Amino acid sequence: MLDSFYYLAGSPGPSGFGSKSTAEQVTASSPLPLPSLTAIITGATSGIGAETARVLAKRGVRLILPSRNLKAAEETKARILSECSDSQIIVMPLDLSSLSSVTNFVHQFQSLNLPLNLLINNAGKFSHDHAISEDGIEMTFATNYLGHFLLTKLLVNTMAETAKATGVEGRIVNVSSSIHGWFSGDMIKYLGQISRNKRNYDATRAYALSKLANVLHTHELARRLKQMEANVSVNCVHPGIVRTRLTRDREGFITDLVFFMASKLLKTIPQAAATTCYVATSPRLIHVTGKYFSDCNEASPSKLAASPTAAARLWSASEIMVNTKSKLVFDPNNGLE
């Protein structure tokens, strides 16, 4: 009850920020050398990703905006340049649901010989209808998690090299959701079921699975980066539920009251982008890694999301999915189900 009161009031936590803080506010006084940084931000053509890109560009960060929809990405670039004419922004093609597209994007990025300081894995998809990626993986999981897993895997050495050469810590931010706590059960088994057919498909459960995978990825990657002695941190965030235009079937006092009360629990897009920007830039978080943040403060993920065993098992399955035929992940003879 007390936490809910603090949330509604926007009371600042230990970081000095809270649920009502905006992305511009949390980056306003960062002493990090933001103008010398390069960031890749997925899903930056709208919503939270677009606001994250705008604010970081305003602080001088060079942006790489990968997108499946290049027209939308160019429009985002134009909007940012209209506000920040000196911004350096590069648009590149990337379809996160396609492992070959992820690989091609990384090759193209590396051909630019640019440093990489920030990787913000923001893109997300909620598939109401059941769909399978070209690699044989359920589409929500493929887009929200597996594409980002491969993208990060292929870029982490570049980030480590950049951090070593510049002395500036590299940061990876995985955008998850509190909905990750809605999933329970065997992750790999359920992924196998919904990747074979739609009989067991539930859109909300599939989304929760992908967001749980984002948190587990964060924990296991943090452990591996420490083993590498890389000056790169990784953390995940719950941005909050964003205030959007709501469609009503009918008007009336009760309906108006419900929507008014609900609006107090939702965030504006600038508020929703705040936690991502805080985790990406705050000097308070140097060497802080493997953590989960909400409202710009460290929070606790679900019990399953905090399981080292689940994180290691998901990592092993993910390596198979991105390196071999994905159907092997769901073959009982391979012992992964």
C-alpha atoms as a PDB file:
ATOM      1  CA  MET A   1       0.000   0.000   0.000  1.00  0.00           C
ATOM      2  CA  LEU A   2       2.803   2.402   0.925  1.00  0.00           C
ATOM      3  CA  ASP A   3       4.655   1.620  -2.339  1.00  0.00           C
ATOM      4  CA  SER A   4       1.475   2.426  -4.295  1.00  0.00           C
ATOM      5  CA  PHE A   5       1.182   5.776  -2.518  1.00  0.00           C
ATOM      6  CA  TYR A   6       4.796   6.664  -3.338  1.00  0.00           C
ATOM      7  CA  TYR A   7       4.209   5.646  -6.962  1.00  0.00           C
ATOM      8  CA  LEU A   8       1.080   7.783  -7.352  1.00  0.00           C
ATOM      9  CA  ALA A   9       2.744  10.716  -5.635  1.00  0.00           C
ATOM     10  CA  GLY A  10       5.866  10.365  -7.760  1.00  0.00           C
ATOM     11  CA  SER A  11       7.967  10.439  -4.609  1.00  0.00           C
ATOM     12  CA  PRO A  12      11.696  10.118  -5.342  1.00  0.00           C
ATOM     13  CA  GLY A  13      13.501   6.979  -4.247  1.00  0.00           C
ATOM     14  CA  PRO A  14      17.169   6.585  -3.264  1.00  0.00           C
ATOM     15  CA  SER A  15      18.229   7.685  -6.760  1.00  0.00           C
ATOM     16  CA  GLY A  16      16.517  11.038  -6.305  1.00  0.00           C
ATOM     17  CA  PHE A  17      13.974  10.183  -9.011  1.00  0.00           C
ATOM     18  CA  GLY A  18      10.580   8.504  -9.050  1.00  0.00           C
ATOM     19  CA  SER A  19       7.623   7.488 -11.207  1.00  0.00           C
ATOM     20  CA  LYS A  20       6.921  11.052 -12.350  1.00  0.00           C
ATOM     21  CA  SER A  21      10.504  11.838 -13.400  1.00  0.00           C
ATOM     22  CA  THR A  22      11.098  12.325 -17.117  1.00  0.00           C
ATOM     23  CA  ALA A  23      13.941  11.223 -19.368  1.00  0.00           C
ATOM     24  CA  GLU A  24      15.120  14.824 -19.736  1.00  0.00           C
ATOM     25  CA  GLN A  25      15.195  15.304 -15.975  1.00  0.00           C
ATOM     26  CA  VAL A  26      17.265  12.207 -15.242  1.00  0.00           C
ATOM     27  CA  THR A  27      19.876  13.096 -17.874  1.00  0.00           C
ATOM     28  CA  ALA A  28      20.043  16.845 -17.201  1.00  0.00           C
ATOM     29  CA  SER A  29      23.124  16.808 -14.992  1.00  0.00           C
ATOM     30  CA  SER A  30      24.945  13.610 -15.909  1.00  0.00           C
ATOM     31  CA  PRO A  31      28.730  14.117 -15.667  1.00  0.00           C
ATOM     32  CA  LEU A  32      29.348  11.194 -18.038  1.00  0.00           C
ATOM     33  CA  PRO A  33      30.927  12.257 -21.353  1.00  0.00           C
ATOM     34  CA  LEU A  34      27.652  11.867 -23.248  1.00  0.00           C
ATOM     35  CA  PRO A  35      28.740  13.853 -26.340  1.00  0.00           C
ATOM     36  CA  SER A  36      31.515  11.324 -26.989  1.00  0.00           C
ATOM     37  CA  LEU A  37      29.294   8.249 -26.718  1.00  0.00           C
ATOM     38  CA  THR A  38      27.729   6.080 -29.418  1.00  0.00           C
ATOM     39  CA  ALA A  39      24.467   4.243 -28.781  1.00  0.00           C
ATOM     40  CA  ILE A  40      22.461   1.615 -30.623  1.00  0.00           C
ATOM     41  CA  ILE A  41      18.763   1.824 -29.731  1.00  0.00           C
ATOM     42  CA  THR A  42      16.329  -0.766 -31.066  1.00  0.00           C
ATOM     43  CA  GLY A  43      12.664   0.099 -31.449  1.00  0.00           C
ATOM     44  CA  ALA A  44      13.328   3.829 -31.681  1.00  0.00           C
ATOM     45  CA  THR A  45      10.706   4.686 -34.286  1.00  0.00           C
ATOM     46  CA  SER A  46       7.924   5.331 -31.768  1.00  0.00           C
ATOM     47  CA  GLY A  47       6.970   5.458 -28.119  1.00  0.00           C
ATOM     48  CA  ILE A  48       9.550   4.923 -25.401  1.00  0.00           C
ATOM     49  CA  GLY A  49      12.337   4.149 -27.861  1.00  0.00           C
ATOM     50  CA  ALA A  50      11.770   7.350 -29.830  1.00  0.00           C
ATOM     51  CA  GLU A  51      11.821   9.441 -26.650  1.00  0.00           C
ATOM     52  CA  THR A  52      14.964   7.671 -25.454  1.00  0.00           C
ATOM     53  CA  ALA A  53      16.622   8.457 -28.788  1.00  0.00           C
ATOM     54  CA  ARG A  54      15.494  12.092 -28.734  1.00  0.00           C
ATOM     55  CA  VAL A  55      16.764  12.744 -25.228  1.00  0.00           C
ATOM     56  CA  LEU A  56      20.118  11.031 -25.748  1.00  0.00           C
ATOM     57  CA  ALA A  57      20.595  12.928 -29.002  1.00  0.00           C
ATOM     58  CA  LYS A  58      19.804  16.142 -27.148  1.00  0.00           C
ATOM     59  CA  ARG A  59      22.613  15.252 -24.726  1.00  0.00           C
ATOM     60  CA  GLY A  60      25.019  14.785 -27.628  1.00  0.00           C
ATOM     61  CA  VAL A  61      25.071  11.000 -28.009  1.00  0.00           C
ATOM     62  CA  ARG A  62      25.678   9.660 -31.525  1.00  0.00           C
ATOM     63  CA  LEU A  63      22.752   7.379 -32.435  1.00  0.00           C
ATOM     64  CA  ILE A  64      22.479   4.231 -34.509  1.00  0.00           C
ATOM     65  CA  LEU A  65      18.799   3.575 -35.184  1.00  0.00           C
ATOM     66  CA  PRO A  66      18.199   0.080 -36.553  1.00  0.00           C
ATOM     67  CA  SER A  67      14.705  -0.636 -37.837  1.00  0.00           C
ATOM     68  CA  ARG A  68      12.699  -2.939 -40.032  1.00  0.00           C
ATOM     69  CA  ASN A  69      10.756   0.118 -41.211  1.00  0.00           C
ATOM     70  CA  LEU A  70      13.400   2.414 -42.659  1.00  0.00           C
ATOM     71  CA  LYS A  71      10.858   5.075 -43.606  1.00  0.00           C
ATOM     72  CA  ALA A  72       9.703   5.333 -39.980  1.00  0.00           C
ATOM     73  CA  ALA A  73      13.314   5.435 -38.793  1.00  0.00           C
ATOM     74  CA  GLU A  74      14.130   8.252 -41.214  1.00  0.00           C
ATOM     75  CA  GLU A  75      11.101  10.162 -39.940  1.00  0.00           C
ATOM     76  CA  THR A  76      12.345   9.714 -36.363  1.00  0.00           C
ATOM     77  CA  LYS A  77      15.766  10.976 -37.456  1.00  0.00           C
ATOM     78  CA  ALA A  78      14.188  14.009 -39.121  1.00  0.00           C
ATOM     79  CA  ARG A  79      12.168  14.855 -35.999  1.00  0.00           C
ATOM     80  CA  ILE A  80      15.271  14.672 -33.815  1.00  0.00           C
ATOM     81  CA  LEU A  81      17.316  16.765 -36.253  1.00  0.00           C
ATOM     82  CA  SER A  82      14.591  19.413 -36.318  1.00  0.00           C
ATOM     83  CA  GLU A  83      15.161  19.838 -32.584  1.00  0.00           C
ATOM     84  CA  CYS A  84      18.882  19.000 -32.385  1.00  0.00           C
ATOM     85  CA  SER A  85      20.411  19.956 -35.722  1.00  0.00           C
ATOM     86  CA  ASP A  86      23.936  18.898 -34.743  1.00  0.00           C
ATOM     87  CA  SER A  87      22.929  15.317 -33.882  1.00  0.00           C
ATOM     88  CA  GLN A  88      24.750  12.432 -35.518  1.00  0.00           C
ATOM     89  CA  ILE A  89      22.182   9.799 -36.463  1.00  0.00           C
ATOM     90  CA  ILE A  90      22.632   6.748 -38.672  1.00  0.00           C
ATOM     91  CA  VAL A  91      19.647   4.658 -39.808  1.00  0.00           C
ATOM     92  CA  MET A  92      20.279   1.001 -40.610  1.00  0.00           C
ATOM     93  CA  PRO A  93      18.059  -1.979 -41.525  1.00  0.00           C
ATOM     94  CA  LEU A  94      17.299  -4.602 -38.868  1.00  0.00           C
ATOM     95  CA  ASP A  95      14.518  -7.128 -38.394  1.00  0.00           C
ATOM     96  CA  LEU A  96      14.962  -8.548 -34.890  1.00  0.00           C
ATOM     97  CA  SER A  97      12.741 -11.541 -35.641  1.00  0.00           C
ATOM     98  CA  SER A  98      15.285 -12.712 -38.236  1.00  0.00           C
ATOM     99  CA  LEU A  99      18.610 -14.078 -37.024  1.00  0.00           C
ATOM    100  CA  SER A 100      20.197 -13.513 -40.435  1.00  0.00           C
ATOM    101  CA  SER A 101      19.054  -9.884 -40.369  1.00  0.00           C
ATOM    102  CA  VAL A 102      20.628  -9.429 -36.936  1.00  0.00           C
ATOM    103  CA  THR A 103      23.904 -10.881 -38.202  1.00  0.00           C
ATOM    104  CA  ASN A 104      23.841  -8.665 -41.297  1.00  0.00           C
ATOM    105  CA  PHE A 105      23.166  -5.579 -39.197  1.00  0.00           C
ATOM    106  CA  VAL A 106      26.153  -6.303 -36.943  1.00  0.00           C
ATOM    107  CA  HIS A 107      28.436  -6.794 -39.964  1.00  0.00           C
ATOM    108  CA  GLN A 108      27.262  -3.474 -41.435  1.00  0.00           C
ATOM    109  CA  PHE A 109      27.705  -1.657 -38.133  1.00  0.00           C
ATOM    110  CA  GLN A 110      31.189  -3.047 -37.601  1.00  0.00           C
ATOM    111  CA  SER A 111      32.155  -1.967 -41.123  1.00  0.00           C
ATOM    112  CA  LEU A 112      31.627   1.640 -39.984  1.00  0.00           C
ATOM    113  CA  ASN A 113      34.512   1.258 -37.489  1.00  0.00           C
ATOM    114  CA  LEU A 114      32.613   3.141 -34.822  1.00  0.00           C
ATOM    115  CA  PRO A 115      32.932   2.704 -31.065  1.00  0.00           C
ATOM    116  CA  LEU A 116      29.946   1.354 -29.122  1.00  0.00           C
ATOM    117  CA  ASN A 117      29.257   2.581 -25.607  1.00  0.00           C
ATOM    118  CA  LEU A 118      25.538   1.990 -25.147  1.00  0.00           C
ATOM    119  CA  LEU A 119      23.293  -0.815 -26.369  1.00  0.00           C
ATOM    120  CA  ILE A 120      19.633  -0.253 -25.522  1.00  0.00           C
ATOM    121  CA  ASN A 121      17.553  -3.324 -26.322  1.00  0.00           C
ATOM    122  CA  ASN A 122      14.206  -1.560 -26.339  1.00  0.00           C
ATOM    123  CA  ALA A 123      12.176  -2.995 -29.229  1.00  0.00           C
ATOM    124  CA  GLY A 124       9.131  -4.983 -28.224  1.00  0.00           C
ATOM    125  CA  LYS A 125       6.230  -6.766 -29.870  1.00  0.00           C
ATOM    126  CA  PHE A 126       2.925  -8.095 -28.562  1.00  0.00           C
ATOM    127  CA  SER A 127       1.484 -10.591 -31.052  1.00  0.00           C
ATOM    128  CA  HIS A 128      -2.241 -11.062 -30.561  1.00  0.00           C
ATOM    129  CA  ASP A 129      -2.188 -13.662 -33.325  1.00  0.00           C
ATOM    130  CA  HIS A 130       0.060 -16.706 -33.297  1.00  0.00           C
ATOM    131  CA  ALA A 131       2.986 -16.432 -35.713  1.00  0.00           C
ATOM    132  CA  ILE A 132       6.308 -18.175 -36.273  1.00  0.00           C
ATOM    133  CA  SER A 133       9.542 -16.448 -37.308  1.00  0.00           C
ATOM    134  CA  GLU A 134      11.567 -17.517 -40.344  1.00  0.00           C
ATOM    135  CA  ASP A 135      13.847 -19.357 -37.890  1.00  0.00           C
ATOM    136  CA  GLY A 136      11.003 -21.440 -36.473  1.00  0.00           C
ATOM    137  CA  ILE A 137      10.548 -19.515 -33.205  1.00  0.00           C
ATOM    138  CA  GLU A 138       7.312 -18.035 -31.839  1.00  0.00           C
ATOM    139  CA  MET A 139       7.276 -14.433 -33.062  1.00  0.00           C
ATOM    140  CA  THR A 140       6.967 -12.538 -29.774  1.00  0.00           C
ATOM    141  CA  PHE A 141       9.863 -14.456 -28.229  1.00  0.00           C
ATOM    142  CA  ALA A 142      11.922 -14.169 -31.416  1.00  0.00           C
ATOM    143  CA  THR A 143      11.508 -10.385 -31.573  1.00  0.00           C
ATOM    144  CA  ASN A 144      11.553  -9.383 -27.914  1.00  0.00           C
ATOM    145  CA  TYR A 145      14.255 -11.720 -26.691  1.00  0.00           C
ATOM    146  CA  LEU A 146      16.099 -13.974 -29.126  1.00  0.00           C
ATOM    147  CA  GLY A 147      16.988 -11.255 -31.635  1.00  0.00           C
ATOM    148  CA  HIS A 148      18.306  -9.107 -28.802  1.00  0.00           C
ATOM    149  CA  PHE A 149      20.217 -12.062 -27.353  1.00  0.00           C
ATOM    150  CA  LEU A 150      22.059 -12.552 -30.659  1.00  0.00           C
ATOM    151  CA  LEU A 151      22.522  -8.815 -31.211  1.00  0.00           C
ATOM    152  CA  THR A 152      24.122  -8.449 -27.792  1.00  0.00           C
ATOM    153  CA  LYS A 153      26.231 -11.579 -28.211  1.00  0.00           C
ATOM    154  CA  LEU A 154      27.677 -10.265 -31.480  1.00  0.00           C
ATOM    155  CA  LEU A 155      28.314  -6.733 -30.185  1.00  0.00           C
ATOM    156  CA  VAL A 156      29.631  -7.377 -26.679  1.00  0.00           C
ATOM    157  CA  ASN A 157      33.279  -7.656 -27.750  1.00  0.00           C
ATOM    158  CA  THR A 158      33.036  -4.327 -29.577  1.00  0.00           C
ATOM    159  CA  MET A 159      31.638  -2.786 -26.409  1.00  0.00           C
ATOM    160  CA  ALA A 160      34.392  -4.306 -24.270  1.00  0.00           C
ATOM    161  CA  GLU A 161      37.057  -3.020 -26.675  1.00  0.00           C
ATOM    162  CA  THR A 162      35.514   0.454 -26.688  1.00  0.00           C
ATOM    163  CA  ALA A 163      35.399   0.534 -22.885  1.00  0.00           C
ATOM    164  CA  LYS A 164      39.025  -0.566 -22.659  1.00  0.00           C
ATOM    165  CA  ALA A 165      40.194   2.045 -25.180  1.00  0.00           C
ATOM    166  CA  THR A 166      38.237   4.947 -23.682  1.00  0.00           C
ATOM    167  CA  GLY A 167      38.103   4.056 -19.993  1.00  0.00           C
ATOM    168  CA  VAL A 168      34.337   4.705 -20.072  1.00  0.00           C
ATOM    169  CA  GLU A 169      32.130   1.861 -18.873  1.00  0.00           C
ATOM    170  CA  GLY A 170      29.947   0.331 -21.564  1.00  0.00           C
ATOM    171  CA  ARG A 171      26.301  -0.154 -20.684  1.00  0.00           C
ATOM    172  CA  ILE A 172      23.656  -2.558 -21.949  1.00  0.00           C
ATOM    173  CA  VAL A 173      20.028  -1.857 -21.044  1.00  0.00           C
ATOM    174  CA  ASN A 174      17.396  -4.544 -21.572  1.00  0.00           C
ATOM    175  CA  VAL A 175      13.852  -3.191 -21.531  1.00  0.00           C
ATOM    176  CA  SER A 176      11.647  -5.751 -19.809  1.00  0.00           C
ATOM    177  CA  SER A 177       8.320  -5.348 -17.993  1.00  0.00           C
ATOM    178  CA  SER A 178       6.763  -6.161 -14.641  1.00  0.00           C
ATOM    179  CA  ILE A 179       4.581  -8.535 -16.659  1.00  0.00           C
ATOM    180  CA  HIS A 180       7.554 -10.922 -16.572  1.00  0.00           C
ATOM    181  CA  GLY A 181       6.203 -12.002 -13.183  1.00  0.00           C
ATOM    182  CA  TRP A 182       3.021 -13.307 -14.791  1.00  0.00           C
ATOM    183  CA  PHE A 183       4.819 -16.304 -16.271  1.00  0.00           C
ATOM    184  CA  SER A 184       5.214 -19.500 -14.309  1.00  0.00           C
ATOM    185  CA  GLY A 185       6.124 -22.997 -15.383  1.00  0.00           C
ATOM    186  CA  ASP A 186       8.752 -24.444 -17.685  1.00  0.00           C
ATOM    187  CA  MET A 187       9.933 -21.731 -20.061  1.00  0.00           C
ATOM    188  CA  ILE A 188      11.634 -23.950 -22.624  1.00  0.00           C
ATOM    189  CA  LYS A 189       8.794 -26.438 -22.726  1.00  0.00           C
ATOM    190  CA  TYR A 190       6.186 -23.723 -23.279  1.00  0.00           C
ATOM    191  CA  LEU A 191       8.308 -22.034 -25.946  1.00  0.00           C
ATOM    192  CA  GLY A 192       8.584 -25.391 -27.708  1.00  0.00           C
ATOM    193  CA  GLN A 193       4.830 -25.865 -27.596  1.00  0.00           C
ATOM    194  CA  ILE A 194       3.945 -22.455 -29.021  1.00  0.00           C
ATOM    195  CA  SER A 195       6.701 -22.650 -31.618  1.00  0.00           C
ATOM    196  CA  ARG A 196       5.279 -25.927 -32.964  1.00  0.00           C
ATOM    197  CA  ASN A 197       1.605 -24.984 -33.111  1.00  0.00           C
ATOM    198  CA  LYS A 198      -0.919 -22.444 -31.844  1.00  0.00           C
ATOM    199  CA  ARG A 199      -2.992 -24.819 -29.729  1.00  0.00           C
ATOM    200  CA  ASN A 200      -1.321 -23.708 -26.491  1.00  0.00           C
ATOM    201  CA  TYR A 201      -0.719 -20.116 -27.559  1.00  0.00           C
ATOM    202  CA  ASP A 202      -1.823 -17.349 -25.239  1.00  0.00           C
ATOM    203  CA  ALA A 203      -0.701 -13.883 -26.325  1.00  0.00           C
ATOM    204  CA  THR A 204      -0.285 -12.482 -22.831  1.00  0.00           C
ATOM    205  CA  ARG A 205       1.583 -15.530 -21.538  1.00  0.00           C
ATOM    206  CA  ALA A 206       3.870 -15.478 -24.580  1.00  0.00           C
ATOM    207  CA  TYR A 207       4.626 -11.807 -23.970  1.00  0.00           C
ATOM    208  CA  ALA A 208       5.302 -12.463 -20.285  1.00  0.00           C
ATOM    209  CA  LEU A 209       7.668 -15.289 -21.288  1.00  0.00           C
ATOM    210  CA  SER A 210       9.670 -12.967 -23.550  1.00  0.00           C
ATOM    211  CA  LYS A 211       9.930 -10.308 -20.838  1.00  0.00           C
ATOM    212  CA  LEU A 212      11.006 -12.920 -18.273  1.00  0.00           C
ATOM    213  CA  ALA A 213      13.691 -13.996 -20.731  1.00  0.00           C
ATOM    214  CA  ASN A 214      14.947 -10.374 -20.873  1.00  0.00           C
ATOM    215  CA  VAL A 215      15.474 -10.358 -17.095  1.00  0.00           C
ATOM    216  CA  LEU A 216      17.166 -13.769 -17.023  1.00  0.00           C
ATOM    217  CA  HIS A 217      19.404 -12.739 -19.922  1.00  0.00           C
ATOM    218  CA  THR A 218      20.481  -9.713 -17.897  1.00  0.00           C
ATOM    219  CA  HIS A 219      21.489 -11.796 -14.876  1.00  0.00           C
ATOM    220  CA  GLU A 220      23.452 -14.403 -16.825  1.00  0.00           C
ATOM    221  CA  LEU A 221      25.150 -11.848 -19.091  1.00  0.00           C
ATOM    222  CA  ALA A 222      26.233  -9.844 -16.036  1.00  0.00           C
ATOM    223  CA  ARG A 223      27.857 -12.959 -14.603  1.00  0.00           C
ATOM    224  CA  ARG A 224      29.671 -13.679 -17.865  1.00  0.00           C
ATOM    225  CA  LEU A 225      30.864 -10.088 -18.295  1.00  0.00           C
ATOM    226  CA  LYS A 226      32.397 -10.231 -14.826  1.00  0.00           C
ATOM    227  CA  GLN A 227      34.205 -13.437 -15.803  1.00  0.00           C
ATOM    228  CA  MET A 228      35.518 -11.662 -18.905  1.00  0.00           C
ATOM    229  CA  GLU A 229      36.647  -8.748 -16.698  1.00  0.00           C
ATOM    230  CA  ALA A 230      34.963  -6.490 -19.252  1.00  0.00           C
ATOM    231  CA  ASN A 231      34.216  -2.922 -18.242  1.00  0.00           C
ATOM    232  CA  VAL A 232      30.630  -3.367 -19.412  1.00  0.00           C
ATOM    233  CA  SER A 233      27.520  -3.481 -17.246  1.00  0.00           C
ATOM    234  CA  VAL A 234      24.073  -4.820 -18.078  1.00  0.00           C
ATOM    235  CA  ASN A 235      20.825  -4.032 -16.318  1.00  0.00           C
ATOM    236  CA  CYS A 236      17.153  -4.357 -17.155  1.00  0.00           C
ATOM    237  CA  VAL A 237      14.256  -1.976 -16.633  1.00  0.00           C
ATOM    238  CA  HIS A 238      10.501  -1.908 -16.258  1.00  0.00           C
ATOM    239  CA  PRO A 239       9.501   1.354 -17.962  1.00  0.00           C
ATOM    240  CA  GLY A 240       5.964   1.394 -16.568  1.00  0.00           C
ATOM    241  CA  ILE A 241       2.648   1.330 -18.366  1.00  0.00           C
ATOM    242  CA  VAL A 242       2.399   4.163 -20.845  1.00  0.00           C
ATOM    243  CA  ARG A 243      -0.544   6.547 -21.055  1.00  0.00           C
ATOM    244  CA  THR A 244      -2.130   6.273 -24.478  1.00  0.00           C
ATOM    245  CA  ARG A 245      -5.363   7.410 -26.070  1.00  0.00           C
ATOM    246  CA  LEU A 246      -8.076   5.013 -24.931  1.00  0.00           C
ATOM    247  CA  THR A 247     -11.106   4.098 -26.994  1.00  0.00           C
ATOM    248  CA  ARG A 248     -14.452   3.979 -25.250  1.00  0.00           C
ATOM    249  CA  ASP A 249     -17.504   2.060 -26.433  1.00  0.00           C
ATOM    250  CA  ARG A 250     -19.808   4.415 -24.587  1.00  0.00           C
ATOM    251  CA  GLU A 251     -19.643   7.508 -22.452  1.00  0.00           C
ATOM    252  CA  GLY A 252     -20.994   8.053 -18.970  1.00  0.00           C
ATOM    253  CA  PHE A 253     -20.071   8.934 -15.411  1.00  0.00           C
ATOM    254  CA  ILE A 254     -18.902   5.434 -14.421  1.00  0.00           C
ATOM    255  CA  THR A 255     -16.814   5.039 -17.559  1.00  0.00           C
ATOM    256  CA  ASP A 256     -15.283   8.494 -17.083  1.00  0.00           C
ATOM    257  CA  LEU A 257     -14.476   7.682 -13.447  1.00  0.00           C
ATOM    258  CA  VAL A 258     -12.789   4.398 -14.360  1.00  0.00           C
ATOM    259  CA  PHE A 259     -10.663   6.030 -17.044  1.00  0.00           C
ATOM    260  CA  PHE A 260      -9.753   8.903 -14.718  1.00  0.00           C
ATOM    261  CA  MET A 261      -8.588   6.491 -12.002  1.00  0.00           C
ATOM    262  CA  ALA A 262      -6.673   4.369 -14.524  1.00  0.00           C
ATOM    263  CA  SER A 263      -4.914   7.442 -15.906  1.00  0.00           C
ATOM    264  CA  LYS A 264      -3.311   8.044 -12.516  1.00  0.00           C
ATOM    265  CA  LEU A 265      -1.580   4.665 -12.742  1.00  0.00           C
ATOM    266  CA  LEU A 266      -0.180   5.236 -16.225  1.00  0.00           C
ATOM    267  CA  LYS A 267       2.864   7.160 -17.379  1.00  0.00           C
ATOM    268  CA  THR A 268       3.478   9.632 -20.144  1.00  0.00           C
ATOM    269  CA  ILE A 269       6.059   8.577 -22.717  1.00  0.00           C
ATOM    270  CA  PRO A 270       8.705  10.991 -21.296  1.00  0.00           C
ATOM    271  CA  GLN A 271       8.139   9.419 -17.864  1.00  0.00           C
ATOM    272  CA  ALA A 272       8.261   5.891 -19.283  1.00  0.00           C
ATOM    273  CA  ALA A 273      11.602   6.572 -20.982  1.00  0.00           C
ATOM    274  CA  ALA A 274      13.136   7.912 -17.778  1.00  0.00           C
ATOM    275  CA  THR A 275      14.265   4.607 -16.266  1.00  0.00           C
ATOM    276  CA  THR A 276      15.973   3.523 -19.486  1.00  0.00           C
ATOM    277  CA  CYS A 277      17.826   6.839 -19.736  1.00  0.00           C
ATOM    278  CA  TYR A 278      18.705   6.789 -16.042  1.00  0.00           C
ATOM    279  CA  VAL A 279      20.199   3.301 -16.199  1.00  0.00           C
ATOM    280  CA  ALA A 280      22.049   4.159 -19.416  1.00  0.00           C
ATOM    281  CA  THR A 281      23.655   7.365 -18.138  1.00  0.00           C
ATOM    282  CA  SER A 282      23.623   7.751 -14.362  1.00  0.00           C
ATOM    283  CA  PRO A 283      27.068   7.952 -12.715  1.00  0.00           C
ATOM    284  CA  ARG A 284      25.510   6.388  -9.618  1.00  0.00           C
ATOM    285  CA  LEU A 285      25.329   3.097 -11.509  1.00  0.00           C
ATOM    286  CA  ILE A 286      28.981   2.706 -12.490  1.00  0.00           C
ATOM    287  CA  HIS A 287      29.874  -0.960 -11.890  1.00  0.00           C
ATOM    288  CA  VAL A 288      26.258  -1.743 -10.954  1.00  0.00           C
ATOM    289  CA  THR A 289      25.259  -4.760 -13.040  1.00  0.00           C
ATOM    290  CA  GLY A 290      22.738  -7.577 -13.230  1.00  0.00           C
ATOM    291  CA  LYS A 291      20.014  -5.510 -11.562  1.00  0.00           C
ATOM    292  CA  TYR A 292      16.353  -4.783 -12.259  1.00  0.00           C
ATOM    293  CA  PHE A 293      15.094  -1.179 -12.149  1.00  0.00           C
ATOM    294  CA  SER A 294      11.657   0.405 -11.966  1.00  0.00           C
ATOM    295  CA  ASP A 295      10.859   4.112 -11.600  1.00  0.00           C
ATOM    296  CA  CYS A 296      14.608   4.894 -11.762  1.00  0.00           C
ATOM    297  CA  ASN A 297      15.328   2.814  -8.654  1.00  0.00           C
ATOM    298  CA  GLU A 298      16.479  -0.746  -8.085  1.00  0.00           C
ATOM    299  CA  ALA A 299      13.583  -3.156  -7.600  1.00  0.00           C
ATOM    300  CA  SER A 300      13.058  -6.888  -7.136  1.00  0.00           C
ATOM    301  CA  PRO A 301      12.114  -9.121 -10.082  1.00  0.00           C
ATOM    302  CA  SER A 302       9.975 -12.248  -9.696  1.00  0.00           C
ATOM    303  CA  LYS A 303      11.337 -15.308  -7.933  1.00  0.00           C
ATOM    304  CA  LEU A 304      11.724 -17.189 -11.228  1.00  0.00           C
ATOM    305  CA  ALA A 305      13.457 -14.181 -12.826  1.00  0.00           C
ATOM    306  CA  ALA A 306      16.037 -14.235 -10.027  1.00  0.00           C
ATOM    307  CA  SER A 307      16.869 -17.930 -10.486  1.00  0.00           C
ATOM    308  CA  PRO A 308      20.504 -18.535 -11.586  1.00  0.00           C
ATOM    309  CA  THR A 309      19.498 -22.041 -12.716  1.00  0.00           C
ATOM    310  CA  ALA A 310      16.729 -20.717 -14.965  1.00  0.00           C
ATOM    311  CA  ALA A 311      19.077 -18.063 -16.362  1.00  0.00           C
ATOM    312  CA  ALA A 312      21.784 -20.611 -17.199  1.00  0.00           C
ATOM    313  CA  ARG A 313      19.262 -22.987 -18.776  1.00  0.00           C
ATOM    314  CA  LEU A 314      17.775 -20.237 -20.935  1.00  0.00           C
ATOM    315  CA  TRP A 315      21.258 -19.155 -22.036  1.00  0.00           C
ATOM    316  CA  SER A 316      22.115 -22.711 -23.115  1.00  0.00           C
ATOM    317  CA  ALA A 317      18.880 -23.022 -25.073  1.00  0.00           C
ATOM    318  CA  SER A 318      19.430 -19.605 -26.652  1.00  0.00           C
ATOM    319  CA  GLU A 319      22.913 -20.554 -27.830  1.00  0.00           C
ATOM    320  CA  ILE A 320      21.427 -23.555 -29.614  1.00  0.00           C
ATOM    321  CA  MET A 321      18.637 -21.485 -31.150  1.00  0.00           C
ATOM    322  CA  VAL A 322      21.005 -18.892 -32.621  1.00  0.00           C
ATOM    323  CA  ASN A 323      23.761 -21.297 -33.664  1.00  0.00           C
ATOM    324  CA  THR A 324      21.980 -24.364 -35.053  1.00  0.00           C
ATOM    325  CA  LYS A 325      18.599 -25.433 -36.369  1.00  0.00           C
ATOM    326  CA  SER A 326      16.112 -23.997 -33.901  1.00  0.00           C
ATOM    327  CA  LYS A 327      14.001 -27.157 -33.985  1.00  0.00           C
ATOM    328  CA  LEU A 328      16.736 -28.915 -32.001  1.00  0.00           C
ATOM    329  CA  VAL A 329      15.740 -26.856 -28.989  1.00  0.00           C
ATOM    330  CA  PHE A 330      12.389 -28.577 -28.959  1.00  0.00           C
ATOM    331  CA  ASP A 331      13.544 -32.107 -29.705  1.00  0.00           C
ATOM    332  CA  PRO A 332      12.996 -34.273 -26.581  1.00  0.00           C
ATOM    333  CA  ASN A 333      15.942 -36.400 -27.673  1.00  0.00           C
ATOM    334  CA  ASN A 334      18.219 -33.443 -26.934  1.00  0.00           C
ATOM    335  CA  GLY A 335      17.077 -33.236 -23.335  1.00  0.00           C
ATOM    336  CA  LEU A 336      16.066 -29.574 -23.415  1.00  0.00           C
ATOM    337  CA  GLU A 337      12.386 -30.036 -22.763  1.00  0.00           C
END
